């Protein structure tokens, strides 16, 4: 029984050390937010381009409807 408890305790300590190491790496990673900011900027630009395309398409369709038939 004691051997099992010692193995469980050492496994627990290794898991805790690995978790603390990963958290320390995540705290020191300065570029984590940069990906999110860049992605958000790209999404905003894509939405603006789609909206501009929709406005241009609507104007072309409106002008095409106003052209008299021969």
Protein backbone atom coordinates (compact mmCIF):
# COMPACT_ATOMS: atom_id res chain seq x y z
CA UNK A 1 0.00 0.00 0.00
CA UNK A 2 2.81 2.40 0.84
CA UNK A 3 4.46 1.83 -2.55
CA UNK A 4 1.23 2.78 -4.34
CA UNK A 5 0.90 5.94 -2.25
CA UNK A 6 4.49 6.94 -2.99
CA UNK A 7 3.96 6.40 -6.73
CA UNK A 8 0.74 8.43 -6.68
CA UNK A 9 2.40 11.25 -4.74
CA UNK A 10 5.41 11.39 -7.08
CA UNK A 11 3.09 11.39 -10.11
CA UNK A 12 1.11 14.22 -8.53
CA UNK A 13 4.28 16.23 -7.94
CA UNK A 14 5.49 15.70 -11.53
CA UNK A 15 2.11 16.82 -12.89
CA UNK A 16 2.15 19.89 -10.66
CA UNK A 17 5.68 20.78 -11.77
CA UNK A 18 4.75 20.36 -15.44
CA UNK A 19 1.67 22.53 -14.98
CA UNK A 20 3.67 25.26 -13.23
CA UNK A 21 6.30 25.16 -15.98
CA UNK A 22 3.65 25.49 -18.70
CA UNK A 23 1.99 28.39 -16.90
CA UNK A 24 5.34 30.15 -16.55
CA UNK A 25 5.97 29.71 -20.28
CA UNK A 26 2.51 31.07 -21.09
CA UNK A 27 3.09 34.14 -18.91
CA UNK A 28 6.41 34.89 -20.59
CA UNK A 29 5.05 34.49 -24.13
CA UNK A 30 4.75 38.10 -25.31
CA UNK A 31 3.39 37.26 -28.78
CA UNK A 32 0.22 35.51 -27.62
CA UNK A 33 -2.03 38.56 -28.05
CA UNK A 34 -0.44 39.62 -31.33
CA UNK A 35 -2.03 36.74 -33.24
CA UNK A 36 -5.46 37.69 -31.95
CA UNK A 37 -5.00 41.37 -32.80
CA UNK A 38 -3.72 40.58 -36.29
CA UNK A 39 -6.58 38.16 -36.91
CA UNK A 40 -9.13 40.72 -35.74
CA UNK A 41 -7.66 43.37 -38.04
CA UNK A 42 -7.76 41.00 -41.02
CA UNK A 43 -11.38 40.09 -40.27
CA UNK A 44 -12.35 43.78 -40.10
CA UNK A 45 -10.62 44.48 -43.42
CA UNK A 46 -12.30 41.51 -45.10
CA UNK A 47 -15.72 42.64 -43.86
CA UNK A 48 -15.05 46.15 -45.15
CA UNK A 49 -14.01 44.77 -48.55
CA UNK A 50 -17.14 42.63 -48.77
CA UNK A 51 -19.31 45.63 -47.84
CA UNK A 52 -17.58 47.79 -50.46
CA UNK A 53 -18.12 45.06 -53.05
CA UNK A 54 -21.80 44.86 -52.15
CA UNK A 55 -22.22 48.64 -52.51
CA UNK A 56 -20.49 48.61 -55.90
CA UNK A 57 -22.60 45.66 -57.07
CA UNK A 58 -25.79 47.43 -55.94
CA UNK A 59 -24.81 50.60 -57.83
CA UNK A 60 -24.03 48.61 -60.99
CA UNK A 61 -27.35 46.79 -60.74
CA UNK A 62 -29.18 50.07 -60.17
CA UNK A 63 -27.54 51.66 -63.21
CA UNK A 64 -28.25 48.58 -65.30
CA UNK A 65 -31.93 48.78 -64.40
CA UNK A 66 -32.06 52.42 -65.53
CA UNK A 67 -30.60 51.77 -68.98
CA UNK A 68 -33.39 52.08 -71.55
CA UNK A 69 -33.97 49.18 -73.92
CA UNK A 70 -33.44 49.89 -77.62
